[in-house]
Amino acid sequence: MINLAITQAGSNANTVFPNQMEIDYVRVYQENLTSTNVVSKDNTMVFPNPASNYFSVNSPEYTNLKLYNLEGKLLLERDNASAKRIDVSDLYNGIYLLELENKAGLKRYKKIIINN
């Protein structure tokens, strides 16, 4: 239960009306504080995921890739890797972070699971 003091505007502006209310539903909204809405289309496909011996990247835009382990160590780097098989048969089972970069330097990150 919430105790509220409701004030009134106008000639009786200093009058306080104490009330007790029960609130059974509260909805919270946040206004978008950015000046423009960012819409991102990502047609990049990494498959198969989970991967066993290899994975492929099918992307019309992102061609350079780097593969990191969860400690941030760079394990693999390829240029112009779009739609080509990337051999991961020598990696341990686990979760890895794939960094894809286009010619303009824009980067996108994907999670890939290796399950040999």
N, C-alpha and C. Protein backbone atom coordinates (compact mmCIF):
# COMPACT_ATOMS: atom_id res chain seq x y z
N MET A 1 0.85 -1.16 0.00
CA MET A 1 0.00 0.00 0.00
C MET A 1 0.90 1.23 0.00
N ILE A 2 0.49 2.26 -0.72
CA ILE A 2 1.24 3.51 -0.83
C ILE A 2 0.40 4.63 -0.25
N ASN A 3 0.99 5.45 0.61
CA ASN A 3 0.32 6.64 1.12
C ASN A 3 0.66 7.81 0.21
N LEU A 4 -0.34 8.49 -0.29
CA LEU A 4 -0.15 9.62 -1.19
C LEU A 4 -0.73 10.88 -0.58
N ALA A 5 -0.10 12.00 -0.87
CA ALA A 5 -0.67 13.30 -0.55
C ALA A 5 -0.91 14.01 -1.88
N ILE A 6 -2.16 14.24 -2.21
CA ILE A 6 -2.52 14.84 -3.49
C ILE A 6 -2.81 16.31 -3.27
N THR A 7 -2.12 17.14 -4.05
CA THR A 7 -2.35 18.59 -3.94
C THR A 7 -3.25 19.03 -5.07
N GLN A 8 -3.87 20.18 -4.87
CA GLN A 8 -4.81 20.70 -5.84
C GLN A 8 -4.27 22.02 -6.36
N ALA A 9 -4.46 22.28 -7.64
CA ALA A 9 -4.04 23.54 -8.23
C ALA A 9 -5.16 24.57 -8.10
N GLY A 10 -4.83 25.82 -8.28
CA GLY A 10 -5.85 26.87 -8.24
C GLY A 10 -5.87 27.60 -6.91
N SER A 11 -7.06 28.11 -6.53
CA SER A 11 -7.18 28.93 -5.33
C SER A 11 -6.90 28.12 -4.06
N ASN A 12 -7.13 26.83 -4.08
CA ASN A 12 -6.86 25.97 -2.93
C ASN A 12 -5.56 25.19 -3.11
N ALA A 13 -4.54 25.83 -3.72
CA ALA A 13 -3.29 25.15 -4.06
C ALA A 13 -2.56 24.62 -2.84
N ASN A 14 -2.75 25.21 -1.68
CA ASN A 14 -2.03 24.76 -0.50
C ASN A 14 -2.78 23.68 0.28
N THR A 15 -3.94 23.29 -0.21
CA THR A 15 -4.72 22.27 0.48
C THR A 15 -4.18 20.89 0.13
N VAL A 16 -3.95 20.05 1.12
CA VAL A 16 -3.46 18.69 0.91
C VAL A 16 -4.57 17.72 1.28
N PHE A 17 -4.84 16.77 0.40
CA PHE A 17 -5.86 15.77 0.63
C PHE A 17 -5.18 14.42 0.86
N PRO A 18 -5.03 13.98 2.08
CA PRO A 18 -4.38 12.68 2.32
C PRO A 18 -5.30 11.54 1.90
N ASN A 19 -4.76 10.60 1.19
CA ASN A 19 -5.53 9.46 0.70
C ASN A 19 -4.70 8.19 0.85
N GLN A 20 -5.37 7.08 0.94
CA GLN A 20 -4.70 5.79 0.88
C GLN A 20 -5.24 5.07 -0.34
N MET A 21 -4.33 4.58 -1.18
CA MET A 21 -4.70 3.89 -2.41
C MET A 21 -3.99 2.56 -2.46
N GLU A 22 -4.62 1.61 -3.09
CA GLU A 22 -3.96 0.36 -3.41
C GLU A 22 -3.70 0.35 -4.89
N ILE A 23 -2.50 -0.01 -5.26
CA ILE A 23 -2.12 -0.07 -6.67
C ILE A 23 -1.87 -1.53 -7.00
N ASP A 24 -2.61 -2.06 -7.97
CA ASP A 24 -2.44 -3.46 -8.30
C ASP A 24 -1.76 -3.65 -9.65
N TYR A 25 -1.46 -2.58 -10.36
CA TYR A 25 -0.81 -2.70 -11.65
C TYR A 25 0.01 -1.44 -11.90
N VAL A 26 1.26 -1.62 -12.23
CA VAL A 26 2.14 -0.50 -12.53
C VAL A 26 2.85 -0.81 -13.84
N ARG A 27 2.86 0.14 -14.71
CA ARG A 27 3.56 0.00 -15.99
C ARG A 27 4.57 1.14 -16.07
N VAL A 28 5.80 0.82 -16.42
CA VAL A 28 6.87 1.81 -16.47
C VAL A 28 7.33 1.94 -17.92
N TYR A 29 7.42 3.15 -18.38
CA TYR A 29 7.87 3.45 -19.74
C TYR A 29 9.10 4.31 -19.68
N GLN A 30 9.94 4.18 -20.71
CA GLN A 30 11.09 5.06 -20.84
C GLN A 30 11.06 5.63 -22.25
N GLU A 31 11.17 6.92 -22.33
CA GLU A 31 11.18 7.57 -23.62
C GLU A 31 12.52 7.30 -24.31
N ASN A 32 12.49 7.22 -25.63
CA ASN A 32 13.71 7.05 -26.40
C ASN A 32 14.48 8.36 -26.35
N LEU A 33 15.68 8.33 -25.79
CA LEU A 33 16.45 9.55 -25.59
C LEU A 33 17.35 9.89 -26.77
N THR A 34 17.42 9.02 -27.77
CA THR A 34 18.27 9.31 -28.92
C THR A 34 17.50 10.16 -29.91
N SER A 35 18.23 10.91 -30.70
CA SER A 35 17.58 11.81 -31.64
C SER A 35 17.11 11.08 -32.89
N THR A 36 17.75 9.97 -33.22
CA THR A 36 17.32 9.19 -34.38
C THR A 36 17.21 7.74 -33.98
N ASN A 37 16.29 7.06 -34.58
CA ASN A 37 16.16 5.62 -34.35
C ASN A 37 17.13 4.89 -35.26
N VAL A 38 17.85 3.94 -34.73
CA VAL A 38 18.82 3.18 -35.50
C VAL A 38 18.19 1.85 -35.87
N VAL A 39 18.09 1.61 -37.15
CA VAL A 39 17.55 0.35 -37.63
C VAL A 39 18.68 -0.38 -38.31
N SER A 40 18.92 -1.58 -37.87
CA SER A 40 20.03 -2.36 -38.40
C SER A 40 19.50 -3.63 -39.03
N LYS A 41 19.84 -3.84 -40.28
CA LYS A 41 19.51 -5.08 -40.95
C LYS A 41 20.78 -5.91 -40.99
N ASP A 42 20.68 -7.12 -40.50
CA ASP A 42 21.83 -7.99 -40.50
C ASP A 42 21.48 -9.26 -41.24
N ASN A 43 21.98 -9.37 -42.46
CA ASN A 43 21.72 -10.54 -43.27
C ASN A 43 22.87 -11.54 -43.18
N THR A 44 23.75 -11.35 -42.22
CA THR A 44 24.90 -12.22 -42.07
C THR A 44 24.49 -13.54 -41.46
N MET A 45 24.91 -14.62 -42.09
CA MET A 45 24.63 -15.95 -41.58
C MET A 45 25.94 -16.66 -41.28
N VAL A 46 26.03 -17.24 -40.10
CA VAL A 46 27.16 -18.08 -39.72
C VAL A 46 26.59 -19.47 -39.52
N PHE A 47 27.08 -20.43 -40.28
CA PHE A 47 26.49 -21.77 -40.23
C PHE A 47 27.55 -22.82 -40.51
N PRO A 48 27.40 -24.03 -40.05
CA PRO A 48 26.47 -24.45 -39.01
C PRO A 48 26.91 -23.89 -37.67
N ASN A 49 25.97 -23.69 -36.80
CA ASN A 49 26.26 -23.19 -35.47
C ASN A 49 25.34 -23.91 -34.50
N PRO A 50 25.81 -24.85 -33.73
CA PRO A 50 27.20 -25.16 -33.42
C PRO A 50 27.92 -25.82 -34.60
N ALA A 51 29.21 -25.53 -34.66
CA ALA A 51 30.06 -26.06 -35.72
C ALA A 51 30.90 -27.20 -35.16
N SER A 52 31.22 -28.16 -36.03
CA SER A 52 32.08 -29.25 -35.56
C SER A 52 33.47 -29.14 -36.16
N ASN A 53 33.61 -29.21 -37.46
CA ASN A 53 34.93 -29.12 -38.09
C ASN A 53 35.15 -27.81 -38.84
N TYR A 54 34.08 -27.17 -39.22
CA TYR A 54 34.18 -25.93 -39.98
C TYR A 54 32.91 -25.11 -39.79
N PHE A 55 32.99 -23.85 -40.15
CA PHE A 55 31.80 -23.02 -40.29
C PHE A 55 31.99 -22.12 -41.49
N SER A 56 30.91 -21.59 -41.99
CA SER A 56 30.93 -20.68 -43.13
C SER A 56 30.24 -19.39 -42.75
N VAL A 57 30.65 -18.32 -43.39
CA VAL A 57 30.02 -17.02 -43.21
C VAL A 57 29.45 -16.61 -44.54
N ASN A 58 28.15 -16.37 -44.56
CA ASN A 58 27.49 -15.92 -45.77
C ASN A 58 27.03 -14.49 -45.54
N SER A 59 27.79 -13.56 -46.08
CA SER A 59 27.48 -12.16 -45.88
C SER A 59 27.86 -11.37 -47.12
N PRO A 60 26.93 -10.56 -47.63
CA PRO A 60 27.28 -9.73 -48.78
C PRO A 60 28.17 -8.56 -48.41
N GLU A 61 28.22 -8.21 -47.13
CA GLU A 61 28.93 -7.00 -46.72
C GLU A 61 30.20 -7.28 -45.93
N TYR A 62 30.13 -8.22 -44.98
CA TYR A 62 31.25 -8.47 -44.08
C TYR A 62 32.13 -9.57 -44.66
N THR A 63 33.40 -9.26 -44.87
CA THR A 63 34.28 -10.23 -45.49
C THR A 63 35.47 -10.61 -44.61
N ASN A 64 35.96 -9.71 -43.80
CA ASN A 64 37.11 -10.01 -42.95
C ASN A 64 36.62 -10.52 -41.61
N LEU A 65 37.27 -11.55 -41.09
CA LEU A 65 36.82 -12.09 -39.82
C LEU A 65 37.99 -12.38 -38.89
N LYS A 66 37.69 -12.31 -37.61
CA LYS A 66 38.61 -12.70 -36.55
C LYS A 66 37.82 -13.55 -35.56
N LEU A 67 38.45 -14.59 -35.04
CA LEU A 67 37.82 -15.46 -34.08
C LEU A 67 38.59 -15.37 -32.77
N TYR A 68 37.87 -15.04 -31.70
CA TYR A 68 38.46 -14.88 -30.37
C TYR A 68 37.88 -15.92 -29.42
N ASN A 69 38.70 -16.34 -28.43
CA ASN A 69 38.14 -17.13 -27.35
C ASN A 69 37.54 -16.16 -26.33
N LEU A 70 36.92 -16.68 -25.29
CA LEU A 70 36.24 -15.80 -24.32
C LEU A 70 37.21 -15.04 -23.43
N GLU A 71 38.49 -15.36 -23.51
CA GLU A 71 39.50 -14.59 -22.79
C GLU A 71 40.01 -13.42 -23.62
N GLY A 72 39.56 -13.33 -24.87
CA GLY A 72 39.95 -12.23 -25.74
C GLY A 72 41.17 -12.52 -26.59
N LYS A 73 41.65 -13.75 -26.58
CA LYS A 73 42.83 -14.12 -27.37
C LYS A 73 42.42 -14.36 -28.82
N LEU A 74 43.13 -13.72 -29.75
CA LEU A 74 42.87 -13.90 -31.17
C LEU A 74 43.36 -15.28 -31.59
N LEU A 75 42.46 -16.09 -32.13
CA LEU A 75 42.81 -17.46 -32.52
C LEU A 75 42.92 -17.63 -34.02
N LEU A 76 42.19 -16.82 -34.76
CA LEU A 76 42.08 -17.02 -36.20
C LEU A 76 41.76 -15.70 -36.86
N GLU A 77 42.36 -15.45 -38.02
CA GLU A 77 42.07 -14.23 -38.76
C GLU A 77 42.05 -14.56 -40.25
N ARG A 78 41.02 -14.10 -40.93
CA ARG A 78 40.88 -14.35 -42.37
C ARG A 78 40.40 -13.08 -43.06
N ASP A 79 40.98 -12.82 -44.22
CA ASP A 79 40.51 -11.74 -45.08
C ASP A 79 39.70 -12.36 -46.21
N ASN A 80 38.71 -11.65 -46.66
CA ASN A 80 37.85 -12.11 -47.77
C ASN A 80 37.31 -13.51 -47.50
N ALA A 81 36.71 -13.69 -46.34
CA ALA A 81 36.25 -15.01 -45.92
C ALA A 81 34.78 -15.26 -46.22
N SER A 82 34.13 -14.37 -46.92
CA SER A 82 32.70 -14.53 -47.17
C SER A 82 32.42 -15.80 -47.96
N ALA A 83 31.46 -16.59 -47.47
CA ALA A 83 30.99 -17.82 -48.11
C ALA A 83 32.08 -18.87 -48.29
N LYS A 84 33.13 -18.82 -47.48
CA LYS A 84 34.17 -19.83 -47.52
C LYS A 84 34.16 -20.62 -46.23
N ARG A 85 34.61 -21.84 -46.28
CA ARG A 85 34.69 -22.68 -45.09
C ARG A 85 35.89 -22.26 -44.25
N ILE A 86 35.63 -22.13 -42.97
CA ILE A 86 36.69 -21.80 -42.02
C ILE A 86 36.92 -23.04 -41.16
N ASP A 87 38.10 -23.62 -41.21
CA ASP A 87 38.41 -24.84 -40.49
C ASP A 87 38.62 -24.53 -39.01
N VAL A 88 37.85 -25.20 -38.16
CA VAL A 88 37.98 -25.04 -36.70
C VAL A 88 38.15 -26.40 -36.02
N SER A 89 38.60 -27.39 -36.77
CA SER A 89 38.72 -28.74 -36.22
C SER A 89 39.78 -28.84 -35.13
N ASP A 90 40.73 -27.90 -35.10
CA ASP A 90 41.78 -27.94 -34.09
C ASP A 90 41.43 -27.15 -32.82
N LEU A 91 40.24 -26.56 -32.77
CA LEU A 91 39.84 -25.79 -31.59
C LEU A 91 39.11 -26.66 -30.58
N TYR A 92 39.21 -26.28 -29.32
CA TYR A 92 38.50 -26.99 -28.25
C TYR A 92 37.01 -26.67 -28.31
N ASN A 93 36.21 -27.56 -27.76
CA ASN A 93 34.78 -27.29 -27.63
C ASN A 93 34.58 -26.07 -26.76
N GLY A 94 33.63 -25.23 -27.14
CA GLY A 94 33.33 -24.06 -26.34
C GLY A 94 32.67 -22.96 -27.14
N ILE A 95 32.57 -21.81 -26.50
CA ILE A 95 31.94 -20.64 -27.10
C ILE A 95 33.03 -19.67 -27.53
N TYR A 96 32.88 -19.14 -28.72
CA TYR A 96 33.86 -18.22 -29.29
C TYR A 96 33.15 -16.98 -29.81
N LEU A 97 33.91 -15.91 -29.96
CA LEU A 97 33.37 -14.66 -30.48
C LEU A 97 33.94 -14.41 -31.86
N LEU A 98 33.05 -14.22 -32.81
CA LEU A 98 33.42 -13.98 -34.19
C LEU A 98 33.25 -12.51 -34.50
N GLU A 99 34.32 -11.86 -34.93
CA GLU A 99 34.27 -10.45 -35.31
C GLU A 99 34.30 -10.37 -36.82
N LEU A 100 33.28 -9.76 -37.39
CA LEU A 100 33.19 -9.57 -38.84
C LEU A 100 33.35 -8.10 -39.15
N GLU A 101 34.12 -7.81 -40.19
CA GLU A 101 34.39 -6.40 -40.54
C GLU A 101 34.19 -6.20 -42.03
N ASN A 102 33.56 -5.07 -42.38
CA ASN A 102 33.38 -4.76 -43.79
C ASN A 102 34.50 -3.83 -44.26
N LYS A 103 34.45 -3.44 -45.52
CA LYS A 103 35.52 -2.60 -46.10
C LYS A 103 35.57 -1.21 -45.48
N ALA A 104 34.44 -0.73 -44.95
CA ALA A 104 34.39 0.60 -44.33
C ALA A 104 34.87 0.57 -42.87
N GLY A 105 35.18 -0.62 -42.36
CA GLY A 105 35.65 -0.73 -40.98
C GLY A 105 34.55 -1.00 -39.97
N LEU A 106 33.31 -1.13 -40.42
CA LEU A 106 32.19 -1.42 -39.53
C LEU A 106 32.29 -2.88 -39.07
N LYS A 107 32.15 -3.09 -37.77
CA LYS A 107 32.30 -4.43 -37.21
C LYS A 107 30.99 -4.94 -36.66
N ARG A 108 30.79 -6.25 -36.77
CA ARG A 108 29.64 -6.93 -36.21
C ARG A 108 30.17 -8.17 -35.52
N TYR A 109 29.53 -8.52 -34.40
CA TYR A 109 30.00 -9.65 -33.60
C TYR A 109 28.93 -10.73 -33.55
N LYS A 110 29.37 -11.97 -33.64
CA LYS A 110 28.50 -13.13 -33.57
C LYS A 110 29.10 -14.14 -32.60
N LYS A 111 28.23 -14.86 -31.92
CA LYS A 111 28.67 -15.94 -31.05
C LYS A 111 28.64 -17.22 -31.87
N ILE A 112 29.70 -18.01 -31.73
CA ILE A 112 29.74 -19.30 -32.41
C ILE A 112 30.15 -20.36 -31.40
N ILE A 113 29.51 -21.51 -31.50
CA ILE A 113 29.79 -22.62 -30.59
C ILE A 113 30.52 -23.69 -31.39
N ILE A 114 31.66 -24.14 -30.84
CA ILE A 114 32.43 -25.21 -31.45
C ILE A 114 32.15 -26.47 -30.64
N ASN A 115 31.76 -27.53 -31.34
CA ASN A 115 31.42 -28.78 -30.68
C ASN A 115 31.99 -29.92 -31.52
N ASN A 116 33.29 -30.19 -31.34
CA ASN A 116 33.97 -31.24 -32.12
C ASN A 116 33.70 -32.60 -31.55
